[in-house]
């Protein structure tokens, strides 16, 4: 979980942005941003509100108990044995209105998509500014507690791949592999952990991806496992490809080219380099090889020699190896792992 120290550091950076833009207040009901700034992680379906003034005073409305980085923590009742609670979002807005009576005039910056009309009406006559881009910009820089969360996820990825390596074999199913991987993560974490990813084997990994099925693993398959367990919203997004049996010459050559592409990207990544420049360099490199050039057709994910378009493989590689999601650490290099 995020630390109070890390949350206060992020609030200080937000206050600097508020001063630069001449915002008097900041407001959000986005549970992810509330967690980012306070350390209070509410369920996605449960209302929560964070309000902060440009002098650093803040209010957190939450159904959770415990510490949080907020000047005033106001409890929101979402379950009761003495009354029916049907509109907790209305209750949260009413609490905010009572707390801010006469003290919310000025410019209020909010995450527009997360702050409903219901909440806006509680503040009365204020000038609104959209803080969405500012929050996204702040999130590009990670504090130490955020990096620790990503490392925790990466550790679960390692545990899951070790379980997959022991489980993948002809005759097993995608469900067998998924259950082994998720079970290993649960044992490592000692609690439940969300386990999203792509668990499709062979041709299905290129055509569809997505959740596991009863599809049986066959000799010669390539099993692409793109996983990103997120214990508390932060994830380390990794991808591994396992060869079921001895890789074909075509599969091995494709792996060699992918490895060189990753090495190229690694040589370019440094402060000040644009991600799009890394992307285009890798794209140009892949386009220069027939086996990975856009639009080529080849049988690479299955030992049966089925024709699969390279377009999906290319898109998959560029997303998974270069990275299109925020908050990722560097990934380790692809390995040619043989499963018998």
Protein backbone atom coordinates (compact mmCIF):
# COMPACT_ATOMS: atom_id res chain seq x y z
CA UNK A 1 0.00 0.00 0.00
CA UNK A 2 1.03 3.61 -0.51
CA UNK A 3 2.61 5.36 2.47
CA UNK A 4 1.46 8.54 4.20
CA UNK A 5 4.87 10.09 3.49
CA UNK A 6 4.55 9.36 -0.21
CA UNK A 7 0.99 10.70 -0.33
CA UNK A 8 2.02 13.95 1.37
CA UNK A 9 4.86 14.35 -1.15
CA UNK A 10 2.34 13.99 -3.99
CA UNK A 11 0.05 16.54 -2.33
CA UNK A 12 2.93 19.01 -2.12
CA UNK A 13 3.57 18.61 -5.82
CA UNK A 14 -0.14 19.14 -6.49
CA UNK A 15 -0.10 22.32 -4.39
CA UNK A 16 2.71 23.63 -6.59
CA UNK A 17 0.57 22.98 -9.66
CA UNK A 18 -2.40 24.70 -8.00
CA UNK A 19 -0.30 27.79 -7.25
CA UNK A 20 1.02 27.92 -10.82
CA UNK A 21 -2.50 27.70 -12.27
CA UNK A 22 -4.08 29.94 -9.63
CA UNK A 23 -6.48 27.27 -8.47
CA UNK A 24 -8.05 27.85 -5.06
CA UNK A 25 -9.25 24.27 -4.56
CA UNK A 26 -8.79 20.77 -5.90
CA UNK A 27 -11.60 18.21 -5.93
CA UNK A 28 -11.90 14.61 -7.04
CA UNK A 29 -14.18 11.63 -6.58
CA UNK A 30 -11.94 9.30 -8.57
CA UNK A 31 -11.09 6.47 -6.18
CA UNK A 32 -7.73 5.96 -7.90
CA UNK A 33 -6.71 9.58 -7.43
CA UNK A 34 -8.00 9.58 -3.86
CA UNK A 35 -5.74 6.61 -3.16
CA UNK A 36 -2.86 8.30 -5.00
CA UNK A 37 -3.11 11.40 -2.80
CA UNK A 38 -4.27 10.00 0.56
CA UNK A 39 -3.46 6.28 0.73
CA UNK A 40 -7.13 5.46 1.26
CA UNK A 41 -8.11 2.77 -1.27
CA UNK A 42 -11.89 2.46 -1.48
CA UNK A 43 -13.66 -0.16 -3.59
CA UNK A 44 -14.38 1.23 -7.05
CA UNK A 45 -18.14 1.09 -6.45
CA UNK A 46 -17.99 2.98 -3.12
CA UNK A 47 -18.17 6.80 -3.12
CA UNK A 48 -15.15 8.71 -1.86
CA UNK A 49 -14.25 12.40 -2.16
CA UNK A 50 -11.03 14.32 -1.60
CA UNK A 51 -10.97 18.13 -1.37
CA UNK A 52 -7.86 20.27 -0.84
CA UNK A 53 -7.42 24.02 -0.50
CA UNK A 54 -4.39 25.86 -1.87
CA UNK A 55 -3.06 26.34 1.68
CA UNK A 56 -2.83 22.58 2.18
CA UNK A 57 -5.96 22.04 4.26
CA UNK A 58 -7.83 18.95 3.11
CA UNK A 59 -10.92 16.82 3.62
CA UNK A 60 -11.37 13.13 2.86
CA UNK A 61 -14.82 11.55 2.80
CA UNK A 62 -14.49 7.77 2.93
CA UNK A 63 -16.17 4.62 4.19
CA UNK A 64 -12.81 3.19 5.25
CA UNK A 65 -11.30 3.23 8.71
CA UNK A 66 -7.65 3.84 9.43
CA UNK A 67 -5.01 6.45 8.67
CA UNK A 68 -4.98 8.62 5.58
CA UNK A 69 -3.09 11.70 4.42
CA UNK A 70 -5.87 14.23 5.00
CA UNK A 71 -6.40 17.01 7.48
CA UNK A 72 -9.95 15.91 8.23
CA UNK A 73 -11.31 12.43 7.66
CA UNK A 74 -15.09 12.26 7.51
CA UNK A 75 -16.69 8.81 7.76
CA UNK A 76 -19.25 7.84 5.12
CA UNK A 77 -21.75 5.19 6.18
CA UNK A 78 -22.36 2.65 3.42
CA UNK A 79 -23.86 -0.16 5.51
CA UNK A 80 -26.26 -0.01 8.41
CA UNK A 81 -28.53 -2.38 10.31
CA UNK A 82 -30.76 0.48 11.47
CA UNK A 83 -31.46 2.30 8.20
CA UNK A 84 -31.63 1.65 4.49
CA UNK A 85 -28.79 3.18 2.50
CA UNK A 86 -29.78 3.46 -1.14
CA UNK A 87 -27.89 6.54 -2.33
CA UNK A 88 -24.42 6.68 -0.71
CA UNK A 89 -23.22 9.06 -3.43
CA UNK A 90 -25.90 11.55 -2.38
CA UNK A 91 -24.85 11.11 1.25
CA UNK A 92 -21.22 11.82 0.36
CA UNK A 93 -22.19 14.97 -1.54
CA UNK A 94 -24.32 16.14 1.39
CA UNK A 95 -21.39 15.68 3.78
CA UNK A 96 -19.18 17.75 1.49
CA UNK A 97 -21.79 20.49 1.29
CA UNK A 98 -22.06 20.71 5.08
CA UNK A 99 -18.30 20.86 5.46
CA UNK A 100 -17.76 23.59 2.86
CA UNK A 101 -20.58 26.00 3.63
CA UNK A 102 -19.37 29.47 2.63
CA UNK A 103 -15.74 28.41 2.15
CA UNK A 104 -15.60 27.19 -1.44
CA UNK A 105 -15.70 30.39 -3.49
CA UNK A 106 -12.97 30.74 -6.09
CA UNK A 107 -11.55 28.48 -8.78
CA UNK A 108 -12.03 24.79 -8.16
CA UNK A 109 -9.95 22.39 -10.25
CA UNK A 110 -11.52 18.96 -10.58
CA UNK A 111 -11.10 15.75 -12.51
CA UNK A 112 -14.06 16.48 -14.73
CA UNK A 113 -15.01 12.91 -15.58
CA UNK A 114 -14.97 11.91 -11.90
CA UNK A 115 -16.89 14.80 -10.33
CA UNK A 116 -20.60 14.45 -10.93
CA UNK A 117 -23.19 17.18 -11.29
CA UNK A 118 -24.43 16.10 -7.87
CA UNK A 119 -21.09 17.00 -6.29
CA UNK A 120 -20.67 20.18 -8.35
CA UNK A 121 -24.02 21.49 -7.17
CA UNK A 122 -22.95 21.19 -3.52
CA UNK A 123 -20.18 23.74 -4.01
CA UNK A 124 -22.44 26.51 -5.27
CA UNK A 125 -21.14 29.40 -7.41
CA UNK A 126 -17.52 28.53 -8.18
CA UNK A 127 -15.44 28.74 -11.34
CA UNK A 128 -14.44 25.29 -12.58
CA UNK A 129 -11.15 24.19 -14.13
CA UNK A 130 -10.24 20.74 -15.43
CA UNK A 131 -7.37 19.15 -13.47
CA UNK A 132 -7.33 15.88 -15.43
CA UNK A 133 -4.17 16.58 -17.43
CA UNK A 134 -2.39 17.95 -14.37
CA UNK A 135 -3.05 14.76 -12.39
CA UNK A 136 -1.90 12.58 -15.29
CA UNK A 137 1.29 14.63 -15.53
CA UNK A 138 1.95 14.24 -11.80
CA UNK A 139 1.49 10.47 -12.07
CA UNK A 140 4.31 10.18 -14.60
CA UNK A 141 6.79 10.73 -11.77
CA UNK A 142 6.80 7.98 -9.17
CA UNK A 143 7.58 8.36 -5.48
CA UNK A 144 9.43 5.59 -3.67
CA UNK A 145 6.25 4.00 -2.31
CA UNK A 146 4.82 3.71 -5.82
CA UNK A 147 7.96 2.03 -7.10
CA UNK A 148 7.80 -0.38 -4.16
CA UNK A 149 4.23 -1.29 -5.15
CA UNK A 150 5.30 -1.97 -8.74
CA UNK A 151 8.17 -4.14 -7.50
CA UNK A 152 5.71 -6.14 -5.39
CA UNK A 153 3.65 -6.80 -8.52
CA UNK A 154 6.77 -7.78 -10.45
CA UNK A 155 7.61 -10.29 -7.73
CA UNK A 156 4.17 -11.85 -8.16
CA UNK A 157 4.80 -12.01 -11.90
CA UNK A 158 7.99 -13.96 -11.23
CA UNK A 159 6.17 -16.37 -8.93
CA UNK A 160 3.41 -16.86 -11.51
CA UNK A 161 5.84 -17.58 -14.36
CA UNK A 162 7.66 -20.16 -12.24
CA UNK A 163 4.34 -21.93 -11.69
CA UNK A 164 3.52 -21.74 -15.40
CA UNK A 165 6.89 -23.25 -16.28
CA UNK A 166 6.09 -26.25 -14.07
CA UNK A 167 2.55 -26.65 -15.43
CA UNK A 168 2.70 -26.10 -19.19
CA UNK A 169 2.69 -29.40 -21.06
CA UNK A 170 0.80 -31.00 -23.97
CA UNK A 171 -2.65 -32.12 -22.87
CA UNK A 172 -2.98 -29.53 -20.09
CA UNK A 173 -5.44 -26.68 -20.60
CA UNK A 174 -5.23 -22.91 -20.40
CA UNK A 175 -7.34 -23.14 -17.25
CA UNK A 176 -4.81 -25.50 -15.65
CA UNK A 177 -2.02 -23.00 -16.25
CA UNK A 178 -4.07 -20.03 -15.03
CA UNK A 179 -5.06 -21.81 -11.83
CA UNK A 180 -1.46 -22.76 -11.10
CA UNK A 181 -0.25 -19.19 -11.70
CA UNK A 182 -2.97 -17.50 -9.68
CA UNK A 183 -2.64 -20.02 -6.86
CA UNK A 184 1.09 -19.31 -6.62
CA UNK A 185 0.41 -15.55 -6.38
CA UNK A 186 -2.19 -16.04 -3.65
CA UNK A 187 0.26 -18.13 -1.62
CA UNK A 188 2.99 -15.51 -2.05
CA UNK A 189 0.67 -12.63 -1.12
CA UNK A 190 -1.17 -14.40 1.68
CA UNK A 191 -4.41 -12.85 0.49
CA UNK A 192 -6.49 -12.30 -2.63
CA UNK A 193 -4.88 -10.45 -5.54
CA UNK A 194 -6.53 -9.47 -8.81
CA UNK A 195 -4.87 -11.34 -11.68
CA UNK A 196 -5.70 -9.78 -15.06
CA UNK A 197 -3.85 -10.64 -18.25
CA UNK A 198 -3.84 -12.62 -21.49
CA UNK A 199 -3.81 -16.39 -21.03
CA UNK A 200 -4.53 -17.64 -24.56
CA UNK A 201 -2.28 -20.32 -26.06
CA UNK A 202 -1.15 -20.94 -29.65
CA UNK A 203 -3.08 -19.25 -32.45
CA UNK A 204 -5.62 -17.96 -29.94
CA UNK A 205 -2.90 -15.84 -28.35
CA UNK A 206 -2.53 -13.89 -31.60
CA UNK A 207 -6.14 -13.86 -32.78
CA UNK A 208 -7.90 -13.23 -29.48
CA UNK A 209 -5.93 -13.15 -26.25
CA UNK A 210 -8.02 -12.74 -23.13
CA UNK A 211 -9.05 -15.12 -20.35
CA UNK A 212 -8.15 -18.81 -20.17
CA UNK A 213 -10.41 -21.50 -21.62
CA UNK A 214 -10.51 -25.30 -21.78
CA UNK A 215 -8.36 -25.16 -24.92
CA UNK A 216 -5.73 -27.90 -24.69
CA UNK A 217 -2.04 -27.11 -25.06
CA UNK A 218 -0.45 -28.80 -28.08
CA UNK A 219 3.10 -29.76 -28.96
CA UNK A 220 4.70 -26.91 -30.92
CA UNK A 221 2.51 -24.17 -29.44
CA UNK A 222 3.92 -20.86 -28.32
CA UNK A 223 2.22 -19.85 -25.09
CA UNK A 224 2.18 -16.05 -24.65
CA UNK A 225 1.47 -15.05 -21.05
CA UNK A 226 0.99 -11.30 -20.66
CA UNK A 227 0.18 -10.67 -16.99
CA UNK A 228 -0.20 -7.68 -14.69
CA UNK A 229 -1.31 -8.56 -11.15
CA UNK A 230 -2.27 -5.42 -9.24
CA UNK A 231 -2.45 -5.81 -5.45
CA UNK A 232 -3.32 -2.12 -4.98
CA UNK A 233 -3.81 -0.61 -8.45
CA UNK A 234 -0.08 -0.53 -9.26
CA UNK A 235 1.15 -3.29 -11.55
CA UNK A 236 4.30 -4.53 -13.20
CA UNK A 237 3.20 -5.46 -16.72
CA UNK A 238 5.29 -8.35 -18.06
CA UNK A 239 5.12 -10.77 -20.96
CA UNK A 240 6.75 -14.18 -21.42
CA UNK A 241 6.48 -16.67 -24.26
CA UNK A 242 6.92 -20.39 -23.55
CA UNK A 243 7.67 -22.92 -26.27
CA UNK A 244 5.79 -26.21 -25.85
CA UNK A 245 8.50 -28.60 -26.94
CA UNK A 246 11.47 -27.79 -29.16
CA UNK A 247 11.02 -24.39 -30.90
CA UNK A 248 10.87 -24.48 -34.70
CA UNK A 249 13.53 -22.65 -36.70
CA UNK A 250 10.97 -19.99 -37.58
CA UNK A 251 9.98 -19.49 -33.94
CA UNK A 252 13.61 -19.29 -32.87
CA UNK A 253 14.49 -16.74 -35.55
CA UNK A 254 11.52 -14.59 -34.54
CA UNK A 255 12.72 -14.71 -30.93
CA UNK A 256 16.22 -13.62 -31.95
CA UNK A 257 14.83 -10.60 -33.80
CA UNK A 258 12.56 -9.65 -30.88
CA UNK A 259 15.53 -9.89 -28.51
CA UNK A 260 17.58 -7.55 -30.74
CA UNK A 261 14.65 -5.12 -30.87
CA UNK A 262 14.49 -5.05 -27.07
CA UNK A 263 18.24 -4.45 -26.88
CA UNK A 264 17.81 -1.55 -29.31
CA UNK A 265 15.07 -0.04 -27.16
CA UNK A 266 17.14 -0.47 -24.00
CA UNK A 267 20.07 1.36 -25.60
CA UNK A 268 17.84 4.35 -26.35
CA UNK A 269 15.93 4.71 -23.08
CA UNK A 270 17.30 7.56 -20.96
CA UNK A 271 16.01 10.84 -19.51
CA UNK A 272 14.87 13.28 -22.18
CA UNK A 273 14.25 10.70 -24.92
CA UNK A 274 10.70 10.66 -26.27
CA UNK A 275 8.88 7.33 -26.05
CA UNK A 276 7.65 7.83 -29.61
CA UNK A 277 11.24 7.97 -30.85
CA UNK A 278 11.97 4.61 -29.22
CA UNK A 279 8.79 3.22 -30.73
CA UNK A 280 9.63 4.34 -34.25
CA UNK A 281 13.19 3.02 -34.01
CA UNK A 282 11.92 -0.41 -32.97
CA UNK A 283 9.21 -0.33 -35.63
CA UNK A 284 11.77 0.48 -38.31
CA UNK A 285 13.99 -2.36 -37.09
CA UNK A 286 11.13 -4.87 -37.17
CA UNK A 287 10.04 -3.66 -40.62
CA UNK A 288 13.52 -4.36 -41.93
CA UNK A 289 13.10 -8.10 -41.29
CA UNK A 290 10.69 -10.10 -43.40
CA UNK A 291 9.65 -12.36 -40.55
CA UNK A 292 8.43 -9.38 -38.47
CA UNK A 293 7.49 -6.91 -41.18
CA UNK A 294 3.94 -5.58 -41.13
CA UNK A 295 1.41 -7.56 -43.15
CA UNK A 296 3.53 -10.71 -43.61
CA UNK A 297 1.85 -14.04 -43.07
CA UNK A 298 3.56 -16.91 -41.33
CA UNK A 299 2.96 -19.87 -39.03
CA UNK A 300 4.79 -18.95 -35.87
CA UNK A 301 2.56 -19.62 -32.88
CA UNK A 302 1.71 -23.21 -33.67
CA UNK A 303 3.70 -26.24 -34.67
CA UNK A 304 0.93 -27.07 -37.13
CA UNK A 305 2.18 -24.32 -39.46
CA UNK A 306 -1.12 -22.43 -39.42
CA UNK A 307 -0.89 -19.02 -41.10
CA UNK A 308 -1.10 -16.14 -38.64
CA UNK A 309 -0.77 -12.50 -39.65
CA UNK A 310 2.22 -10.67 -38.26
CA UNK A 311 0.15 -7.55 -37.70
CA UNK A 312 -1.19 -8.77 -34.35
CA UNK A 313 2.20 -10.07 -33.29
CA UNK A 314 3.81 -6.74 -34.14
CA UNK A 315 1.19 -4.77 -32.23
CA UNK A 316 1.51 -7.15 -29.32
CA UNK A 317 5.29 -6.80 -29.22
CA UNK A 318 5.32 -3.03 -29.46
CA UNK A 319 2.82 -2.72 -26.64
CA UNK A 320 4.23 -5.39 -24.38
CA UNK A 321 7.95 -4.89 -24.86
CA UNK A 322 8.12 -1.12 -25.28
CA UNK A 323 5.17 -0.39 -23.01
CA UNK A 324 2.07 1.72 -23.50
CA UNK A 325 0.87 1.82 -19.90
CA UNK A 326 1.92 4.32 -17.26
CA UNK A 327 3.86 3.32 -14.20
CA UNK A 328 6.04 0.55 -15.56
CA UNK A 329 9.57 -0.32 -14.58
CA UNK A 330 12.02 -1.69 -17.13
CA UNK A 331 11.22 -5.23 -18.15
CA UNK A 332 13.69 -8.05 -18.34
CA UNK A 333 14.67 -9.41 -21.71
CA UNK A 334 12.69 -12.09 -23.52
CA UNK A 335 13.95 -15.60 -22.97
CA UNK A 336 13.51 -18.65 -25.15
CA UNK A 337 11.98 -21.04 -22.64
CA UNK A 338 11.33 -24.59 -23.76
CA UNK A 339 8.52 -26.58 -22.17
CA UNK A 340 8.44 -30.32 -22.75
